Protein backbone atom coordinates (compact mmCIF):
# COMPACT_ATOMS: atom_id res chain seq x y z
CA UNK A 1 0.00 0.00 0.00
CA UNK A 2 1.38 3.39 -1.02
CA UNK A 3 1.72 6.11 1.63
CA UNK A 4 -0.53 9.04 0.83
CA UNK A 5 -0.36 12.56 2.22
CA UNK A 6 -2.41 12.36 5.47
CA UNK A 7 -3.80 15.84 4.80
CA UNK A 8 -5.65 14.47 1.76
CA UNK A 9 -7.90 12.31 3.97
CA UNK A 10 -10.92 13.44 5.97
CA UNK A 11 -10.53 13.70 9.75
CA UNK A 12 -11.31 10.53 11.75
CA UNK A 13 -12.70 10.29 15.28
CA UNK A 14 -12.98 7.06 17.25
CA UNK A 15 -16.68 6.34 17.77
CA UNK A 16 -17.47 2.93 19.26
CA UNK A 17 -16.42 -0.67 19.63
CA UNK A 18 -18.29 -3.96 19.64
CA UNK A 19 -17.42 -6.91 21.86
CA UNK A 20 -18.34 -10.54 21.43
CA UNK A 21 -19.51 -11.69 24.85
CA UNK A 22 -20.30 -15.10 26.35
CA UNK A 23 -23.12 -13.76 28.58
CA UNK A 24 -24.84 -10.45 27.88
CA UNK A 25 -26.56 -9.92 31.26
CA UNK A 26 -23.46 -9.73 33.49
CA UNK A 27 -21.65 -7.60 30.91
CA UNK A 28 -24.62 -5.21 30.68
CA UNK A 29 -24.74 -5.01 34.47
CA UNK A 30 -21.02 -4.29 34.69
CA UNK A 31 -21.04 -1.50 32.11
CA UNK A 32 -24.23 0.12 33.43
CA UNK A 33 -23.65 -0.23 37.17
CA UNK A 34 -19.86 0.09 37.31
CA UNK A 35 -19.14 2.48 34.44
CA UNK A 36 -22.38 4.45 34.16
CA UNK A 37 -23.43 3.49 30.63
CA UNK A 38 -27.12 3.45 29.74
CA UNK A 39 -28.79 0.99 27.41
CA UNK A 40 -29.63 3.05 24.35
CA UNK A 41 -31.05 0.18 22.30
CA UNK A 42 -31.27 -3.57 22.17
CA UNK A 43 -32.25 -6.21 19.69
CA UNK A 44 -35.15 -8.60 20.16
CA UNK A 45 -34.91 -11.91 22.00
CA UNK A 46 -32.89 -13.41 24.84
CA UNK A 47 -29.60 -13.37 22.90
CA UNK A 48 -30.01 -9.85 21.54
CA UNK A 49 -27.28 -7.29 20.96
CA UNK A 50 -27.19 -4.51 23.57
CA UNK A 51 -26.14 -0.96 22.64
CA UNK A 52 -24.73 1.28 25.40
CA UNK A 53 -23.66 4.91 25.61
CA UNK A 54 -22.52 7.62 28.01
CA UNK A 55 -22.63 10.40 25.43
CA UNK A 56 -25.90 12.12 24.41
CA UNK A 57 -24.48 12.68 20.93
CA UNK A 58 -23.65 9.00 20.37
CA UNK A 59 -26.31 6.34 19.96
CA UNK A 60 -23.78 3.78 21.12
CA UNK A 61 -20.17 3.75 22.25
CA UNK A 62 -20.18 0.05 23.11
CA UNK A 63 -22.08 -2.91 21.65
CA UNK A 64 -22.36 -6.22 23.47
CA UNK A 65 -22.80 -8.99 20.91
CA UNK A 66 -23.66 -12.46 22.25
CA UNK A 67 -22.74 -14.24 19.03
CA UNK A 68 -19.62 -16.39 19.00
CA UNK A 69 -16.60 -14.62 17.55
CA UNK A 70 -16.24 -14.93 13.81
CA UNK A 71 -12.47 -14.65 14.12
CA UNK A 72 -10.39 -17.82 14.26
CA UNK A 73 -8.29 -16.54 17.17
CA UNK A 74 -11.46 -15.87 19.22
CA UNK A 75 -10.93 -12.15 19.57
CA UNK A 76 -13.76 -10.48 21.49
CA UNK A 77 -13.52 -7.41 19.24
CA UNK A 78 -15.89 -7.19 16.29
CA UNK A 79 -14.75 -3.86 14.84
CA UNK A 80 -13.21 -0.45 15.48
CA UNK A 81 -15.23 2.46 14.16
CA UNK A 82 -14.21 5.93 12.96
CA UNK A 83 -16.51 8.87 12.24
CA UNK A 84 -16.02 11.29 9.35
CA UNK A 85 -17.84 14.60 9.12
CA UNK A 86 -19.91 13.97 6.00
CA UNK A 87 -20.53 11.94 2.85
CA UNK A 88 -17.70 13.73 1.05
CA UNK A 89 -15.24 12.36 3.61
CA UNK A 90 -16.80 8.91 3.44
CA UNK A 91 -16.51 8.88 -0.35
CA UNK A 92 -12.84 9.88 -0.11
CA UNK A 93 -12.15 6.85 2.07
CA UNK A 94 -14.25 4.65 -0.21
CA UNK A 95 -12.13 5.73 -3.19
CA UNK A 96 -8.88 5.10 -1.28
CA UNK A 97 -10.03 1.69 -0.05
CA UNK A 98 -11.47 0.59 -3.39
CA UNK A 99 -8.22 1.10 -5.30
CA UNK A 100 -5.96 -1.66 -6.62
CA UNK A 101 -5.70 -4.77 -4.47
CA UNK A 102 -7.98 -7.36 -3.01
CA UNK A 103 -9.52 -5.32 -0.18
CA UNK A 104 -13.24 -6.07 0.17
CA UNK A 105 -15.25 -2.98 1.14
CA UNK A 106 -18.91 -3.19 2.10
CA UNK A 107 -20.94 0.03 1.83
CA UNK A 108 -24.03 -0.14 4.05
CA UNK A 109 -26.43 2.01 6.00
CA UNK A 110 -27.58 1.39 9.54
CA UNK A 111 -30.27 4.03 9.08
CA UNK A 112 -28.36 6.24 11.50
CA UNK A 113 -25.14 6.08 9.48
CA UNK A 114 -23.67 5.44 6.06
CA UNK A 115 -20.78 3.04 6.67
CA UNK A 116 -17.84 1.30 5.06
CA UNK A 117 -16.65 -2.01 6.52
CA UNK A 118 -13.32 -3.58 5.65
CA UNK A 119 -10.46 -5.51 7.27
CA UNK A 120 -6.89 -4.54 7.98
CA UNK A 121 -4.01 -6.83 6.92
CA UNK A 122 -4.35 -8.94 10.09
CA UNK A 123 -8.09 -9.37 9.64
CA UNK A 124 -9.32 -6.80 12.16
CA UNK A 125 -12.62 -5.33 10.99
CA UNK A 126 -12.82 -1.54 10.69
CA UNK A 127 -15.69 0.85 10.02
CA UNK A 128 -15.59 4.40 8.67
CA UNK A 129 -18.93 6.15 8.78
CA UNK A 130 -20.83 9.43 8.37
CA UNK A 131 -24.03 10.17 10.26
CA UNK A 132 -27.43 10.40 8.57
CA UNK A 133 -29.93 12.99 9.82
CA UNK A 134 -32.17 10.23 11.26
CA UNK A 135 -32.43 7.80 14.14
CA UNK A 136 -33.90 4.33 13.84
CA UNK A 137 -33.83 1.52 16.40
CA UNK A 138 -30.91 -0.86 15.99
CA UNK A 139 -29.88 -3.25 14.64
CA UNK A 140 -30.58 -2.10 11.08
CA UNK A 141 -28.42 -2.75 8.02
CA UNK A 142 -28.82 -2.57 4.24
CA UNK A 143 -26.50 -2.09 1.26
CA UNK A 144 -26.03 1.37 -0.25
CA UNK A 145 -24.57 2.75 -3.47
CA UNK A 146 -22.09 5.55 -2.80
CA UNK A 147 -22.11 6.53 -6.47
CA UNK A 148 -25.51 8.14 -5.79
CA UNK A 149 -25.33 11.88 -5.12
CA UNK A 150 -26.07 13.11 -1.59
CA UNK A 151 -29.73 13.90 -2.29
CA UNK A 152 -30.43 10.55 -3.96
CA UNK A 153 -28.62 8.58 -1.23
CA UNK A 154 -30.50 10.53 1.45
CA UNK A 155 -33.85 9.89 -0.24
CA UNK A 156 -33.07 6.18 -0.67
CA UNK A 157 -32.01 5.82 2.97
CA UNK A 158 -35.03 7.68 4.33
CA UNK A 159 -37.37 5.58 2.18
CA UNK A 160 -35.80 2.37 3.58
CA UNK A 161 -36.10 3.42 7.25
CA UNK A 162 -39.16 5.67 7.44
CA UNK A 163 -41.49 2.85 8.59
CA UNK A 164 -39.01 1.17 10.95
CA UNK A 165 -39.38 1.36 14.76
CA UNK A 166 -37.86 4.43 16.35
CA UNK A 167 -37.65 6.48 13.13
CA UNK A 168 -37.29 10.19 13.90
CA UNK A 169 -34.88 13.06 13.28
CA UNK A 170 -31.59 12.42 15.06
CA UNK A 171 -31.85 15.72 16.96
CA UNK A 172 -35.11 14.54 18.52
CA UNK A 173 -33.45 11.28 19.54
CA UNK A 174 -30.42 13.15 20.99
CA UNK A 175 -32.66 15.31 23.19
CA UNK A 176 -34.30 12.22 24.69
CA UNK A 177 -30.98 10.40 25.02
CA UNK A 178 -29.44 13.44 26.72
CA UNK A 179 -32.34 13.66 29.18
CA UNK A 180 -31.84 10.01 30.18
CA UNK A 181 -28.16 10.79 30.79
CA UNK A 182 -29.15 13.81 32.91
CA UNK A 183 -27.82 16.31 30.37
CA UNK A 184 -31.03 17.57 28.82
């Protein structure tokens, strides 16, 4: 891989991480009672993913995933996630990642984000994402086409999530999330 001028890339900010866990309940108790996280969302069923946060601006900073690790060395880490400011930044990373080589890049939306997933040379999964203007209950995931312009991608995403549980403008969700955290 050729070294590129770092200034040519969009800024990255660490956002969240996801852990594979053997038992969700004790992990949820630990992170909520010992570290002050709140449950911001959860999947359906006894073995559902649990999303936790301590930041009113972040839907989740930690995800507890009760599925067995997909990595052969049984790493508890699913992925490391980085936020970019907008779709322009996301497209810049998409172009850099989609260049020559055998790197597989998945472009998806979680309703709340537009995301790229890929693996580093040792197989660690990474995510680079930009926020959408909406909130929708998680988990949610569908493929997107980053060749669409911003308006078309926004319209497509909104159409896919408008009828899903929890759909609302992200600012409305942040106000409620902040109130639960005692910051609203």
